[in-house]
Amino acid sequence: MSEDEFQQRIVDTASWLGWRVHHTRPARTAKGWRTPVQGHNGFVDLVLARRGVVLMPEIKSAEGSLDPEQRLWRDAIGAQWRLWRPADWPTIEAVLRGAT
C-alpha cells in the first residue's frame, strides 16, 4: 500500500467516525510541486480532532523514515504526535474508534 493510499484510508475512516480532518496538499506551480508553508517545514501529514482530543500523525509507508525536520516537530508536539504505518492499522482503527 502506498503512503497516499494509506493516508486516504485514514482520512476516510476518521471522517466516517466523526473526526475533523486537516491535510495540506501540495499544488503544482511553474517551479514544480510546492506546499505553501509559513514557518518550519516538516509538519505532520494530518491533524485529527474530535471531542477535545487532537492527534497529529505522520503517515509513512512500511519503509518510510522521518527526516530531521519531522523529528523536530515530533519532539515539539509531544504526546499528540503519532507515527502511523500500514502495519499499525488495528491500533489506528482502535484509536480512531476511541478504544485507546
PDB file of N, CA and C in Angstrom:
ATOM      1  N   MET A   1       0.851  -1.176   0.000  1.00  0.00           N
ATOM      2  CA  MET A   1       0.000   0.000   0.000  1.00  0.00           C
ATOM      3  C   MET A   1       0.895   1.237   0.000  1.00  0.00           C
ATOM      4  N   SER A   2       0.610   2.161  -0.887  1.00  0.00           N
ATOM      5  CA  SER A   2       1.410   3.386  -0.940  1.00  0.00           C
ATOM      6  C   SER A   2       1.060   4.282   0.247  1.00  0.00           C
ATOM      7  N   GLU A   3       1.939   5.247   0.502  1.00  0.00           N
ATOM      8  CA  GLU A   3       1.682   6.208   1.576  1.00  0.00           C
ATOM      9  C   GLU A   3       0.402   6.992   1.299  1.00  0.00           C
ATOM     10  N   ASP A   4       0.189   7.392   0.046  1.00  0.00           N
ATOM     11  CA  ASP A   4      -1.020   8.143  -0.313  1.00  0.00           C
ATOM     12  C   ASP A   4      -2.285   7.309  -0.097  1.00  0.00           C
ATOM     13  N   GLU A   5      -2.249   6.036  -0.500  1.00  0.00           N
ATOM     14  CA  GLU A   5      -3.409   5.163  -0.307  1.00  0.00           C
ATOM     15  C   GLU A   5      -3.692   4.955   1.182  1.00  0.00           C
ATOM     16  N   PHE A   6      -2.627   4.759   1.944  1.00  0.00           N
ATOM     17  CA  PHE A   6      -2.763   4.562   3.384  1.00  0.00           C
ATOM     18  C   PHE A   6      -3.344   5.817   4.042  1.00  0.00           C
ATOM     19  N   GLN A   7      -2.827   6.964   3.668  1.00  0.00           N
ATOM     20  CA  GLN A   7      -3.342   8.216   4.227  1.00  0.00           C
ATOM     21  C   GLN A   7      -4.818   8.392   3.889  1.00  0.00           C
ATOM     22  N   GLN A   8      -5.203   8.080   2.656  1.00  0.00           N
ATOM     23  CA  GLN A   8      -6.608   8.212   2.272  1.00  0.00           C
ATOM     24  C   GLN A   8      -7.491   7.282   3.101  1.00  0.00           C
ATOM     25  N   ARG A   9      -6.999   6.085   3.397  1.00  0.00           N
ATOM     26  CA  ARG A   9      -7.752   5.155   4.246  1.00  0.00           C
ATOM     27  C   ARG A   9      -7.970   5.753   5.638  1.00  0.00           C
ATOM     28  N   ILE A  10      -6.934   6.385   6.186  1.00  0.00           N
ATOM     29  CA  ILE A  10      -7.058   7.022   7.494  1.00  0.00           C
ATOM     30  C   ILE A  10      -8.058   8.180   7.430  1.00  0.00           C
ATOM     31  N   VAL A  11      -7.929   9.028   6.419  1.00  0.00           N
ATOM     32  CA  VAL A  11      -8.833  10.179   6.269  1.00  0.00           C
ATOM     33  C   VAL A  11     -10.283   9.706   6.146  1.00  0.00           C
ATOM     34  N   ASP A  12     -10.517   8.708   5.321  1.00  0.00           N
ATOM     35  CA  ASP A  12     -11.882   8.200   5.126  1.00  0.00           C
ATOM     36  C   ASP A  12     -12.450   7.638   6.429  1.00  0.00           C
ATOM     37  N   THR A  13     -11.655   6.838   7.124  1.00  0.00           N
ATOM     38  CA  THR A  13     -12.111   6.223   8.364  1.00  0.00           C
ATOM     39  C   THR A  13     -12.347   7.267   9.444  1.00  0.00           C
ATOM     40  N   ALA A  14     -11.394   8.185   9.598  1.00  0.00           N
ATOM     41  CA  ALA A  14     -11.539   9.234  10.611  1.00  0.00           C
ATOM     42  C   ALA A  14     -12.777  10.090  10.336  1.00  0.00           C
ATOM     43  N   SER A  15     -12.977  10.477   9.102  1.00  0.00           N
ATOM     44  CA  SER A  15     -14.148  11.289   8.744  1.00  0.00           C
ATOM     45  C   SER A  15     -15.434  10.536   9.057  1.00  0.00           C
ATOM     46  N   TRP A  16     -15.491   9.279   8.706  1.00  0.00           N
ATOM     47  CA  TRP A  16     -16.667   8.445   8.943  1.00  0.00           C
ATOM     48  C   TRP A  16     -16.967   8.317  10.440  1.00  0.00           C
ATOM     49  N   LEU A  17     -15.895   8.337  11.260  1.00  0.00           N
ATOM     50  CA  LEU A  17     -16.058   8.206  12.711  1.00  0.00           C
ATOM     51  C   LEU A  17     -16.216   9.548  13.426  1.00  0.00           C
ATOM     52  N   GLY A  18     -16.366  10.634  12.669  1.00  0.00           N
ATOM     53  CA  GLY A  18     -16.680  11.924  13.260  1.00  0.00           C
ATOM     54  C   GLY A  18     -15.496  12.806  13.613  1.00  0.00           C
ATOM     55  N   TRP A  19     -14.298  12.462  13.162  1.00  0.00           N
ATOM     56  CA  TRP A  19     -13.129  13.310  13.394  1.00  0.00           C
ATOM     57  C   TRP A  19     -13.125  14.443  12.379  1.00  0.00           C
ATOM     58  N   ARG A  20     -12.684  15.613  12.802  1.00  0.00           N
ATOM     59  CA  ARG A  20     -12.365  16.709  11.878  1.00  0.00           C
ATOM     60  C   ARG A  20     -10.970  16.403  11.363  1.00  0.00           C
ATOM     61  N   VAL A  21     -10.769  16.558  10.076  1.00  0.00           N
ATOM     62  CA  VAL A  21      -9.508  16.160   9.444  1.00  0.00           C
ATOM     63  C   VAL A  21      -8.915  17.329   8.682  1.00  0.00           C
ATOM     64  N   HIS A  22      -7.617  17.535   8.858  1.00  0.00           N
ATOM     65  CA  HIS A  22      -6.904  18.548   8.070  1.00  0.00           C
ATOM     66  C   HIS A  22      -5.661  17.916   7.461  1.00  0.00           C
ATOM     67  N   HIS A  23      -5.476  18.180   6.164  1.00  0.00           N
ATOM     68  CA  HIS A  23      -4.266  17.792   5.443  1.00  0.00           C
ATOM     69  C   HIS A  23      -3.986  18.896   4.430  1.00  0.00           C
ATOM     70  N   THR A  24      -2.751  19.352   4.386  1.00  0.00           N
ATOM     71  CA  THR A  24      -2.363  20.358   3.404  1.00  0.00           C
ATOM     72  C   THR A  24      -1.744  19.654   2.210  1.00  0.00           C
ATOM     73  N   ARG A  25      -2.388  19.782   1.060  1.00  0.00           N
ATOM     74  CA  ARG A  25      -1.897  19.131  -0.149  1.00  0.00           C
ATOM     75  C   ARG A  25      -0.983  20.051  -0.937  1.00  0.00           C
ATOM     76  N   PRO A  26       0.027  19.483  -1.568  1.00  0.00           N
ATOM     77  CA  PRO A  26       0.872  20.309  -2.435  1.00  0.00           C
ATOM     78  C   PRO A  26       0.108  20.713  -3.695  1.00  0.00           C
ATOM     79  N   ALA A  27       0.555  21.798  -4.296  1.00  0.00           N
ATOM     80  CA  ALA A  27      -0.045  22.294  -5.538  1.00  0.00           C
ATOM     81  C   ALA A  27       1.045  22.431  -6.596  1.00  0.00           C
ATOM     82  N   ARG A  28       0.657  22.239  -7.827  1.00  0.00           N
ATOM     83  CA  ARG A  28       1.611  22.357  -8.926  1.00  0.00           C
ATOM     84  C   ARG A  28       1.788  23.824  -9.272  1.00  0.00           C
ATOM     85  N   THR A  29       3.031  24.267  -9.354  1.00  0.00           N
ATOM     86  CA  THR A  29       3.357  25.636  -9.739  1.00  0.00           C
ATOM     87  C   THR A  29       4.279  25.588 -10.945  1.00  0.00           C
ATOM     88  N   ALA A  30       4.649  26.743 -11.427  1.00  0.00           N
ATOM     89  CA  ALA A  30       5.594  26.807 -12.547  1.00  0.00           C
ATOM     90  C   ALA A  30       6.950  26.202 -12.166  1.00  0.00           C
ATOM     91  N   LYS A  31       7.236  26.151 -10.874  1.00  0.00           N
ATOM     92  CA  LYS A  31       8.505  25.601 -10.395  1.00  0.00           C
ATOM     93  C   LYS A  31       8.369  24.161  -9.894  1.00  0.00           C
ATOM     94  N   GLY A  32       7.245  23.505 -10.197  1.00  0.00           N
ATOM     95  CA  GLY A  32       7.024  22.130  -9.745  1.00  0.00           C
ATOM     96  C   GLY A  32       6.047  22.094  -8.585  1.00  0.00           C
ATOM     97  N   TRP A  33       5.999  20.972  -7.904  1.00  0.00           N
ATOM     98  CA  TRP A  33       5.077  20.788  -6.784  1.00  0.00           C
ATOM     99  C   TRP A  33       5.589  21.515  -5.556  1.00  0.00           C
ATOM    100  N   ARG A  34       4.699  22.278  -4.914  1.00  0.00           N
ATOM    101  CA  ARG A  34       5.048  23.045  -3.723  1.00  0.00           C
ATOM    102  C   ARG A  34       3.897  22.952  -2.715  1.00  0.00           C
ATOM    103  N   THR A  35       4.252  22.956  -1.441  1.00  0.00           N
ATOM    104  CA  THR A  35       3.262  23.054  -0.375  1.00  0.00           C
ATOM    105  C   THR A  35       3.473  24.395   0.300  1.00  0.00           C
ATOM    106  N   PRO A  36       2.458  25.256   0.279  1.00  0.00           N
ATOM    107  CA  PRO A  36       2.634  26.574   0.884  1.00  0.00           C
ATOM    108  C   PRO A  36       2.795  26.465   2.402  1.00  0.00           C
ATOM    109  N   VAL A  37       3.903  26.961   2.892  1.00  0.00           N
ATOM    110  CA  VAL A  37       4.202  26.889   4.319  1.00  0.00           C
ATOM    111  C   VAL A  37       4.746  28.226   4.776  1.00  0.00           C
ATOM    112  N   GLN A  38       4.233  28.691   5.892  1.00  0.00           N
ATOM    113  CA  GLN A  38       4.851  29.813   6.571  1.00  0.00           C
ATOM    114  C   GLN A  38       5.303  29.259   7.908  1.00  0.00           C
ATOM    115  N   GLY A  39       6.571  29.290   8.157  1.00  0.00           N
ATOM    116  CA  GLY A  39       7.109  28.702   9.381  1.00  0.00           C
ATOM    117  C   GLY A  39       8.041  27.559   9.047  1.00  0.00           C
ATOM    118  N   HIS A  40       8.067  26.582   9.917  1.00  0.00           N
ATOM    119  CA  HIS A  40       9.019  25.481   9.802  1.00  0.00           C
ATOM    120  C   HIS A  40       8.482  24.356   8.932  1.00  0.00           C
ATOM    121  N   ASN A  41       9.331  23.784   8.123  1.00  0.00           N
ATOM    122  CA  ASN A  41       8.979  22.626   7.303  1.00  0.00           C
ATOM    123  C   ASN A  41       8.884  21.379   8.178  1.00  0.00           C
ATOM    124  N   GLY A  42       8.310  20.329   7.593  1.00  0.00           N
ATOM    125  CA  GLY A  42       8.279  19.036   8.262  1.00  0.00           C
ATOM    126  C   GLY A  42       7.053  18.790   9.119  1.00  0.00           C
ATOM    127  N   PHE A  43       6.033  19.670   9.040  1.00  0.00           N
ATOM    128  CA  PHE A  43       4.832  19.497   9.858  1.00  0.00           C
ATOM    129  C   PHE A  43       4.150  18.175   9.516  1.00  0.00           C
ATOM    130  N   VAL A  44       3.392  17.644  10.448  1.00  0.00           N
ATOM    131  CA  VAL A  44       2.727  16.347  10.299  1.00  0.00           C
ATOM    132  C   VAL A  44       1.792  16.315   9.089  1.00  0.00           C
ATOM    133  N   ASP A  45       1.510  15.106   8.628  1.00  0.00           N
ATOM    134  CA  ASP A  45       0.642  14.921   7.465  1.00  0.00           C
ATOM    135  C   ASP A  45      -0.819  15.225   7.758  1.00  0.00           C
ATOM    136  N   LEU A  46      -1.275  14.876   8.959  1.00  0.00           N
ATOM    137  CA  LEU A  46      -2.685  15.049   9.301  1.00  0.00           C
ATOM    138  C   LEU A  46      -2.830  15.680  10.676  1.00  0.00           C
ATOM    139  N   VAL A  47      -3.911  16.422  10.839  1.00  0.00           N
ATOM    140  CA  VAL A  47      -4.359  16.852  12.160  1.00  0.00           C
ATOM    141  C   VAL A  47      -5.796  16.340  12.280  1.00  0.00           C
ATOM    142  N   LEU A  48      -6.054  15.574  13.329  1.00  0.00           N
ATOM    143  CA  LEU A  48      -7.364  14.987  13.570  1.00  0.00           C
ATOM    144  C   LEU A  48      -7.879  15.497  14.909  1.00  0.00           C
ATOM    145  N   ALA A  49      -9.144  15.904  14.959  1.00  0.00           N
ATOM    146  CA  ALA A  49      -9.710  16.411  16.212  1.00  0.00           C
ATOM    147  C   ALA A  49     -11.135  15.909  16.380  1.00  0.00           C
ATOM    148  N   ARG A  50     -11.442  15.489  17.618  1.00  0.00           N
ATOM    149  CA  ARG A  50     -12.788  15.035  17.951  1.00  0.00           C
ATOM    150  C   ARG A  50     -12.966  15.079  19.464  1.00  0.00           C
ATOM    151  N   ARG A  51     -14.039  15.701  19.914  1.00  0.00           N
ATOM    152  CA  ARG A  51     -14.400  15.726  21.336  1.00  0.00           C
ATOM    153  C   ARG A  51     -13.247  16.169  22.236  1.00  0.00           C
ATOM    154  N   GLY A  52     -12.510  17.181  21.822  1.00  0.00           N
ATOM    155  CA  GLY A  52     -11.419  17.716  22.629  1.00  0.00           C
ATOM    156  C   GLY A  52     -10.109  16.969  22.527  1.00  0.00           C
ATOM    157  N   VAL A  53     -10.078  15.931  21.715  1.00  0.00           N
ATOM    158  CA  VAL A  53      -8.848  15.157  21.504  1.00  0.00           C
ATOM    159  C   VAL A  53      -8.260  15.566  20.164  1.00  0.00           C
ATOM    160  N   VAL A  54      -6.973  15.871  20.153  1.00  0.00           N
ATOM    161  CA  VAL A  54      -6.272  16.225  18.922  1.00  0.00           C
ATOM    162  C   VAL A  54      -5.125  15.240  18.730  1.00  0.00           C
ATOM    163  N   LEU A  55      -5.067  14.638  17.544  1.00  0.00           N
ATOM    164  CA  LEU A  55      -3.982  13.737  17.170  1.00  0.00           C
ATOM    165  C   LEU A  55      -3.260  14.329  15.980  1.00  0.00           C
ATOM    166  N   MET A  56      -1.960  14.163  15.954  1.00  0.00           N
ATOM    167  CA  MET A  56      -1.156  14.730  14.876  1.00  0.00           C
ATOM    168  C   MET A  56      -0.248  13.638  14.321  1.00  0.00           C
ATOM    169  N   PRO A  57      -0.795  12.782  13.433  1.00  0.00           N
ATOM    170  CA  PRO A  57       0.005  11.682  12.907  1.00  0.00           C
ATOM    171  C   PRO A  57       0.848  12.056  11.692  1.00  0.00           C
ATOM    172  N   GLU A  58       2.032  11.507  11.669  1.00  0.00           N
ATOM    173  CA  GLU A  58       2.891  11.500  10.487  1.00  0.00           C
ATOM    174  C   GLU A  58       2.649  10.156   9.829  1.00  0.00           C
ATOM    175  N   ILE A  59       2.342  10.156   8.544  1.00  0.00           N
ATOM    176  CA  ILE A  59       1.990   8.944   7.821  1.00  0.00           C
ATOM    177  C   ILE A  59       3.199   8.492   7.010  1.00  0.00           C
ATOM    178  N   LYS A  60       3.558   7.231   7.157  1.00  0.00           N
ATOM    179  CA  LYS A  60       4.694   6.678   6.420  1.00  0.00           C
ATOM    180  C   LYS A  60       4.332   5.312   5.859  1.00  0.00           C
ATOM    181  N   SER A  61       4.931   4.984   4.739  1.00  0.00           N
ATOM    182  CA  SER A  61       4.833   3.634   4.210  1.00  0.00           C
ATOM    183  C   SER A  61       5.640   2.712   5.126  1.00  0.00           C
ATOM    184  N   ALA A  62       5.625   1.440   4.831  1.00  0.00           N
ATOM    185  CA  ALA A  62       6.372   0.480   5.650  1.00  0.00           C
ATOM    186  C   ALA A  62       7.857   0.820   5.706  1.00  0.00           C
ATOM    187  N   GLU A  63       8.385   1.389   4.620  1.00  0.00           N
ATOM    188  CA  GLU A  63       9.819   1.676   4.538  1.00  0.00           C
ATOM    189  C   GLU A  63      10.183   3.123   4.811  1.00  0.00           C
ATOM    190  N   GLY A  64       9.203   4.004   4.906  1.00  0.00           N
ATOM    191  CA  GLY A  64       9.466   5.436   5.036  1.00  0.00           C
ATOM    192  C   GLY A  64      10.157   5.786   6.345  1.00  0.00           C
ATOM    193  N   SER A  65      10.985   6.831   6.290  1.00  0.00           N
ATOM    194  CA  SER A  65      11.683   7.266   7.508  1.00  0.00           C
ATOM    195  C   SER A  65      11.447   8.758   7.734  1.00  0.00           C
ATOM    196  N   LEU A  66      11.619   9.178   8.974  1.00  0.00           N
ATOM    197  CA  LEU A  66      11.459  10.587   9.327  1.00  0.00           C
ATOM    198  C   LEU A  66      12.689  11.364   8.913  1.00  0.00           C
ATOM    199  N   ASP A  67      12.469  12.572   8.381  1.00  0.00           N
ATOM    200  CA  ASP A  67      13.611  13.436   8.097  1.00  0.00           C
ATOM    201  C   ASP A  67      13.884  14.291   9.339  1.00  0.00           C
ATOM    202  N   PRO A  68      15.004  15.009   9.380  1.00  0.00           N
ATOM    203  CA  PRO A  68      15.346  15.784  10.575  1.00  0.00           C
ATOM    204  C   PRO A  68      14.281  16.801  10.981  1.00  0.00           C
ATOM    205  N   GLU A  69      13.642  17.465  10.024  1.00  0.00           N
ATOM    206  CA  GLU A  69      12.600  18.442  10.357  1.00  0.00           C
ATOM    207  C   GLU A  69      11.388  17.753  10.999  1.00  0.00           C
ATOM    208  N   GLN A  70      11.030  16.586  10.519  1.00  0.00           N
ATOM    209  CA  GLN A  70       9.910  15.852  11.100  1.00  0.00           C
ATOM    210  C   GLN A  70      10.227  15.412  12.529  1.00  0.00           C
ATOM    211  N   ARG A  71      11.472  15.073  12.780  1.00  0.00           N
ATOM    212  CA  ARG A  71      11.877  14.707  14.149  1.00  0.00           C
ATOM    213  C   ARG A  71      11.754  15.903  15.096  1.00  0.00           C
ATOM    214  N   LEU A  72      12.096  17.087  14.592  1.00  0.00           N
ATOM    215  CA  LEU A  72      11.955  18.282  15.430  1.00  0.00           C
ATOM    216  C   LEU A  72      10.489  18.543  15.769  1.00  0.00           C
ATOM    217  N   TRP A  73       9.583  18.355  14.803  1.00  0.00           N
ATOM    218  CA  TRP A  73       8.156  18.505  15.075  1.00  0.00           C
ATOM    219  C   TRP A  73       7.688  17.445  16.071  1.00  0.00           C
ATOM    220  N   ARG A  74       8.148  16.199  15.896  1.00  0.00           N
ATOM    221  CA  ARG A  74       7.792  15.131  16.837  1.00  0.00           C
ATOM    222  C   ARG A  74       8.131  15.545  18.266  1.00  0.00           C
ATOM    223  N   ASP A  75       9.345  16.037  18.435  1.00  0.00           N
ATOM    224  CA  ASP A  75       9.801  16.425  19.773  1.00  0.00           C
ATOM    225  C   ASP A  75       9.011  17.617  20.314  1.00  0.00           C
ATOM    226  N   ALA A  76       8.649  18.546  19.451  1.00  0.00           N
ATOM    227  CA  ALA A  76       7.910  19.735  19.884  1.00  0.00           C
ATOM    228  C   ALA A  76       6.449  19.417  20.209  1.00  0.00           C
ATOM    229  N   ILE A  77       5.831  18.513  19.470  1.00  0.00           N
ATOM    230  CA  ILE A  77       4.405  18.208  19.658  1.00  0.00           C
ATOM    231  C   ILE A  77       4.177  17.348  20.895  1.00  0.00           C
ATOM    232  N   GLY A  78       4.991  16.372  21.100  1.00  0.00           N
ATOM    233  CA  GLY A  78       4.837  15.534  22.290  1.00  0.00           C
ATOM    234  C   GLY A  78       3.773  14.464  22.150  1.00  0.00           C
ATOM    235  N   ALA A  79       2.932  14.330  23.177  1.00  0.00           N
ATOM    236  CA  ALA A  79       2.008  13.200  23.301  1.00  0.00           C
ATOM    237  C   ALA A  79       0.983  13.081  22.178  1.00  0.00           C
ATOM    238  N   GLN A  80       0.654  14.162  21.512  1.00  0.00           N
ATOM    239  CA  GLN A  80      -0.338  14.090  20.431  1.00  0.00           C
ATOM    240  C   GLN A  80       0.258  13.586  19.117  1.00  0.00           C
ATOM    241  N   TRP A  81       1.574  13.541  19.019  1.00  0.00           N
ATOM    242  CA  TRP A  81       2.247  13.123  17.791  1.00  0.00           C
ATOM    243  C   TRP A  81       2.182  11.605  17.663  1.00  0.00           C
ATOM    244  N   ARG A  82       1.976  11.132  16.446  1.00  0.00           N
ATOM    245  CA  ARG A  82       1.957   9.698  16.158  1.00  0.00           C
ATOM    246  C   ARG A  82       2.746   9.426  14.882  1.00  0.00           C
ATOM    247  N   LEU A  83       3.323   8.249  14.791  1.00  0.00           N
ATOM    248  CA  LEU A  83       3.887   7.734  13.551  1.00  0.00           C
ATOM    249  C   LEU A  83       3.039   6.532  13.185  1.00  0.00           C
ATOM    250  N   TRP A  84       2.318   6.623  12.072  1.00  0.00           N
ATOM    251  CA  TRP A  84       1.422   5.558  11.657  1.00  0.00           C
ATOM    252  C   TRP A  84       1.895   4.956  10.349  1.00  0.00           C
ATOM    253  N   ARG A  85       1.984   3.625  10.346  1.00  0.00           N
ATOM    254  CA  ARG A  85       2.359   2.834   9.165  1.00  0.00           C
ATOM    255  C   ARG A  85       1.249   1.821   8.890  1.00  0.00           C
ATOM    256  N   PRO A  86       1.180   1.289   7.666  1.00  0.00           N
ATOM    257  CA  PRO A  86       0.114   0.326   7.355  1.00  0.00           C
ATOM    258  C   PRO A  86       0.021  -0.839   8.343  1.00  0.00           C
ATOM    259  N   ALA A  87       1.142  -1.321   8.840  1.00  0.00           N
ATOM    260  CA  ALA A  87       1.111  -2.442   9.792  1.00  0.00           C
ATOM    261  C   ALA A  87       0.442  -2.069  11.108  1.00  0.00           C
ATOM    262  N   ASP A  88       0.299  -0.773  11.374  1.00  0.00           N
ATOM    263  CA  ASP A  88      -0.318  -0.299  12.609  1.00  0.00           C
ATOM    264  C   ASP A  88      -1.841  -0.205  12.517  1.00  0.00           C
ATOM    265  N   TRP A  89      -2.435  -0.636  11.400  1.00  0.00           N
ATOM    266  CA  TRP A  89      -3.854  -0.405  11.171  1.00  0.00           C
ATOM    267  C   TRP A  89      -4.757  -0.837  12.325  1.00  0.00           C
ATOM    268  N   PRO A  90      -4.597  -2.016  12.930  1.00  0.00           N
ATOM    269  CA  PRO A  90      -5.507  -2.376  14.032  1.00  0.00           C
ATOM    270  C   PRO A  90      -5.450  -1.353  15.180  1.00  0.00           C
ATOM    271  N   THR A  91      -4.281  -0.865  15.515  1.00  0.00           N
ATOM    272  CA  THR A  91      -4.140   0.145  16.577  1.00  0.00           C
ATOM    273  C   THR A  91      -4.740   1.465  16.134  1.00  0.00           C
ATOM    274  N   ILE A  92      -4.485   1.859  14.901  1.00  0.00           N
ATOM    275  CA  ILE A  92      -5.019   3.127  14.377  1.00  0.00           C
ATOM    276  C   ILE A  92      -6.545   3.096  14.422  1.00  0.00           C
ATOM    277  N   GLU A  93      -7.114   2.013  13.944  1.00  0.00           N
ATOM    278  CA  GLU A  93      -8.575   1.911  13.932  1.00  0.00           C
ATOM    279  C   GLU A  93      -9.133   1.972  15.359  1.00  0.00           C
ATOM    280  N   ALA A  94      -8.472   1.311  16.300  1.00  0.00           N
ATOM    281  CA  ALA A  94      -8.918   1.349  17.691  1.00  0.00           C
ATOM    282  C   ALA A  94      -8.852   2.764  18.252  1.00  0.00           C
ATOM    283  N   VAL A  95      -7.774   3.478  17.946  1.00  0.00           N
ATOM    284  CA  VAL A  95      -7.626   4.866  18.406  1.00  0.00           C
ATOM    285  C   VAL A  95      -8.728   5.739  17.817  1.00  0.00           C
ATOM    286  N   LEU A  96      -8.962   5.604  16.520  1.00  0.00           N
ATOM    287  CA  LEU A  96      -9.984   6.415  15.868  1.00  0.00           C
ATOM    288  C   LEU A  96     -11.388   6.106  16.383  1.00  0.00           C
ATOM    289  N   ARG A  97     -11.622   4.876  16.768  1.00  0.00           N
ATOM    290  CA  ARG A  97     -12.920   4.491  17.331  1.00  0.00           C
ATOM    291  C   ARG A  97     -13.038   4.916  18.787  1.00  0.00           C
ATOM    292  N   GLY A  98     -11.896   5.273  19.400  1.00  0.00           N
ATOM    293  CA  GLY A  98     -11.934   5.724  20.779  1.00  0.00           C
ATOM    294  C   GLY A  98     -11.664   4.633  21.786  1.00  0.00           C
ATOM    295  N   ALA A  99     -11.166   3.476  21.326  1.00  0.00           N
ATOM    296  CA  ALA A  99     -10.929   2.340  22.214  1.00  0.00           C
ATOM    297  C   ALA A  99      -9.645   2.504  23.033  1.00  0.00           C
ATOM    298  N   THR A 100      -8.704   3.362  22.562  1.00  0.00           N
ATOM    299  CA  THR A 100      -7.462   3.548  23.320  1.00  0.00           C
ATOM    300  C   THR A 100      -7.130   5.015  23.392  1.00  0.00           C
TER     301      THR A 100
END
